[in-house]
Amino acid sequence: MKESKLNMIFSEVISMRSDLKELRAAVDQRNSKKLFTKSETATILKVSVRTLNNYMREGKINPTYHDRAVRFTQEEIDRYIRENTIQMVRHGI
């Protein structure tokens, strides 16, 4: 009886370790996402910080707030570029 109970507890511990590994991986993935400052984002977009502030106010680009700091994810910067870039099409080649 005691041995089967120990085996059940052992199985639960193994399961919990697996769950913990998955949780750690998810946290590590989330923390690995680089966040850019306003200045860095403005440089990437080749605009001034003032223009970036206007884009934020107009809802063209959405920042992420950490405490009071304004940051931009790579995904948001990529979305803005993708949606605001004119695609050039070459004809006749």
C-alpha atoms as a PDB file:
ATOM      1  CA  MET A   1       0.000   0.000   0.000  1.00  0.00           C
ATOM      2  CA  LYS A   2       2.727   2.462   0.979  1.00  0.00           C
ATOM      3  CA  GLU A   3       4.739   1.592  -2.105  1.00  0.00           C
ATOM      4  CA  SER A   4       1.840   2.310  -4.489  1.00  0.00           C
ATOM      5  CA  LYS A   5       1.212   5.601  -2.728  1.00  0.00           C
ATOM      6  CA  LEU A   6       4.890   6.505  -3.107  1.00  0.00           C
ATOM      7  CA  ASN A   7       4.743   5.614  -6.796  1.00  0.00           C
ATOM      8  CA  MET A   8       1.705   7.857  -7.238  1.00  0.00           C
ATOM      9  CA  ILE A   9       3.441  10.763  -5.485  1.00  0.00           C
ATOM     10  CA  PHE A  10       6.564  10.170  -7.554  1.00  0.00           C
ATOM     11  CA  SER A  11       4.496  10.274 -10.768  1.00  0.00           C
ATOM     12  CA  GLU A  12       2.895  13.548  -9.672  1.00  0.00           C
ATOM     13  CA  VAL A  13       6.311  15.063  -8.927  1.00  0.00           C
ATOM     14  CA  ILE A  14       7.571  14.041 -12.385  1.00  0.00           C
ATOM     15  CA  SER A  15       4.461  15.579 -13.968  1.00  0.00           C
ATOM     16  CA  MET A  16       4.947  18.796 -11.991  1.00  0.00           C
ATOM     17  CA  ARG A  17       8.590  19.000 -13.100  1.00  0.00           C
ATOM     18  CA  SER A  18       7.481  18.697 -16.714  1.00  0.00           C
ATOM     19  CA  ASP A  19       4.891  21.453 -16.226  1.00  0.00           C
ATOM     20  CA  LEU A  20       7.512  23.646 -14.576  1.00  0.00           C
ATOM     21  CA  LYS A  21       9.900  23.174 -17.514  1.00  0.00           C
ATOM     22  CA  GLU A  22       7.156  24.230 -19.941  1.00  0.00           C
ATOM     23  CA  LEU A  23       6.355  27.284 -17.822  1.00  0.00           C
ATOM     24  CA  ARG A  24      10.018  28.291 -17.640  1.00  0.00           C
ATOM     25  CA  ALA A  25      10.337  27.950 -21.418  1.00  0.00           C
ATOM     26  CA  ALA A  26       7.292  30.186 -21.929  1.00  0.00           C
ATOM     27  CA  VAL A  27       8.645  32.818 -19.527  1.00  0.00           C
ATOM     28  CA  ASP A  28      12.091  32.713 -21.167  1.00  0.00           C
ATOM     29  CA  GLN A  29      10.530  33.153 -24.598  1.00  0.00           C
ATOM     30  CA  ARG A  30       8.481  36.110 -23.405  1.00  0.00           C
ATOM     31  CA  ASN A  31      11.461  37.736 -21.707  1.00  0.00           C
ATOM     32  CA  SER A  32      13.680  37.261 -24.750  1.00  0.00           C
ATOM     33  CA  LYS A  33      11.581  39.643 -26.826  1.00  0.00           C
ATOM     34  CA  LYS A  34      13.547  42.846 -27.275  1.00  0.00           C
ATOM     35  CA  LEU A  35      11.800  46.070 -26.419  1.00  0.00           C
ATOM     36  CA  PHE A  36      12.882  49.286 -28.107  1.00  0.00           C
ATOM     37  CA  THR A  37      12.870  52.796 -26.671  1.00  0.00           C
ATOM     38  CA  LYS A  38      11.257  55.724 -28.469  1.00  0.00           C
ATOM     39  CA  SER A  39      14.650  56.867 -29.689  1.00  0.00           C
ATOM     40  CA  GLU A  40      15.603  53.420 -31.006  1.00  0.00           C
ATOM     41  CA  THR A  41      12.214  53.006 -32.679  1.00  0.00           C
ATOM     42  CA  ALA A  42      12.424  56.445 -34.293  1.00  0.00           C
ATOM     43  CA  THR A  43      15.865  55.552 -35.668  1.00  0.00           C
ATOM     44  CA  ILE A  44      14.583  52.239 -37.067  1.00  0.00           C
ATOM     45  CA  LEU A  45      11.630  54.008 -38.719  1.00  0.00           C
ATOM     46  CA  LYS A  46      13.850  56.884 -39.890  1.00  0.00           C
ATOM     47  CA  VAL A  47      11.633  59.526 -38.285  1.00  0.00           C
ATOM     48  CA  SER A  48      12.114  61.953 -35.418  1.00  0.00           C
ATOM     49  CA  VAL A  49      10.944  61.187 -31.893  1.00  0.00           C
ATOM     50  CA  ARG A  50       8.397  63.984 -32.316  1.00  0.00           C
ATOM     51  CA  THR A  51       6.972  62.275 -35.409  1.00  0.00           C
ATOM     52  CA  LEU A  52       6.907  58.962 -33.525  1.00  0.00           C
ATOM     53  CA  ASN A  53       4.933  60.685 -30.746  1.00  0.00           C
ATOM     54  CA  ASN A  54       2.464  61.905 -33.387  1.00  0.00           C
ATOM     55  CA  TYR A  55       2.141  58.355 -34.768  1.00  0.00           C
ATOM     56  CA  MET A  56       1.393  57.112 -31.239  1.00  0.00           C
ATOM     57  CA  ARG A  57      -1.210  59.812 -30.659  1.00  0.00           C
ATOM     58  CA  GLU A  58      -2.836  59.032 -34.030  1.00  0.00           C
ATOM     59  CA  GLY A  59      -2.871  55.296 -33.243  1.00  0.00           C
ATOM     60  CA  LYS A  60      -0.583  54.397 -36.131  1.00  0.00           C
ATOM     61  CA  ILE A  61       1.845  52.555 -33.848  1.00  0.00           C
ATOM     62  CA  ASN A  62       1.036  51.070 -30.459  1.00  0.00           C
ATOM     63  CA  PRO A  63       3.571  51.161 -27.651  1.00  0.00           C
ATOM     64  CA  THR A  64       3.890  48.799 -24.730  1.00  0.00           C
ATOM     65  CA  TYR A  65       4.166  50.365 -21.290  1.00  0.00           C
ATOM     66  CA  HIS A  66       6.540  49.018 -18.642  1.00  0.00           C
ATOM     67  CA  ASP A  67       6.022  50.960 -15.439  1.00  0.00           C
ATOM     68  CA  ARG A  68       6.089  54.452 -16.902  1.00  0.00           C
ATOM     69  CA  ALA A  69       8.489  53.652 -19.711  1.00  0.00           C
ATOM     70  CA  VAL A  70       7.218  53.581 -23.288  1.00  0.00           C
ATOM     71  CA  ARG A  71       8.587  50.681 -25.318  1.00  0.00           C
ATOM     72  CA  PHE A  72       7.921  49.097 -28.706  1.00  0.00           C
ATOM     73  CA  THR A  73       8.079  45.407 -29.571  1.00  0.00           C
ATOM     74  CA  GLN A  74       9.812  44.177 -32.704  1.00  0.00           C
ATOM     75  CA  GLU A  75       6.469  42.763 -33.831  1.00  0.00           C
ATOM     76  CA  GLU A  76       4.784  46.180 -33.563  1.00  0.00           C
ATOM     77  CA  ILE A  77       7.602  47.897 -35.451  1.00  0.00           C
ATOM     78  CA  ASP A  78       7.435  45.228 -38.176  1.00  0.00           C
ATOM     79  CA  ARG A  79       3.637  45.607 -38.381  1.00  0.00           C
ATOM     80  CA  TYR A  80       3.932  49.370 -38.787  1.00  0.00           C
ATOM     81  CA  ILE A  81       6.567  49.026 -41.518  1.00  0.00           C
ATOM     82  CA  ARG A  82       4.574  46.338 -43.341  1.00  0.00           C
ATOM     83  CA  GLU A  83       1.354  48.368 -43.282  1.00  0.00           C
ATOM     84  CA  ASN A  84       2.990  51.670 -44.209  1.00  0.00           C
ATOM     85  CA  THR A  85       5.427  50.667 -46.923  1.00  0.00           C
ATOM     86  CA  ILE A  86       4.539  51.183 -50.556  1.00  0.00           C
ATOM     87  CA  GLN A  87       5.347  48.075 -52.532  1.00  0.00           C
ATOM     88  CA  MET A  88       7.130  48.893 -55.765  1.00  0.00           C
ATOM     89  CA  VAL A  89       6.216  46.738 -58.721  1.00  0.00           C
ATOM     90  CA  ARG A  90       8.499  46.474 -61.734  1.00  0.00           C
ATOM     91  CA  HIS A  91       6.715  46.038 -65.047  1.00  0.00           C
ATOM     92  CA  GLY A  92       8.013  44.600 -68.281  1.00  0.00           C
ATOM     93  CA  ILE A  93      10.861  42.493 -66.950  1.00  0.00           C
END
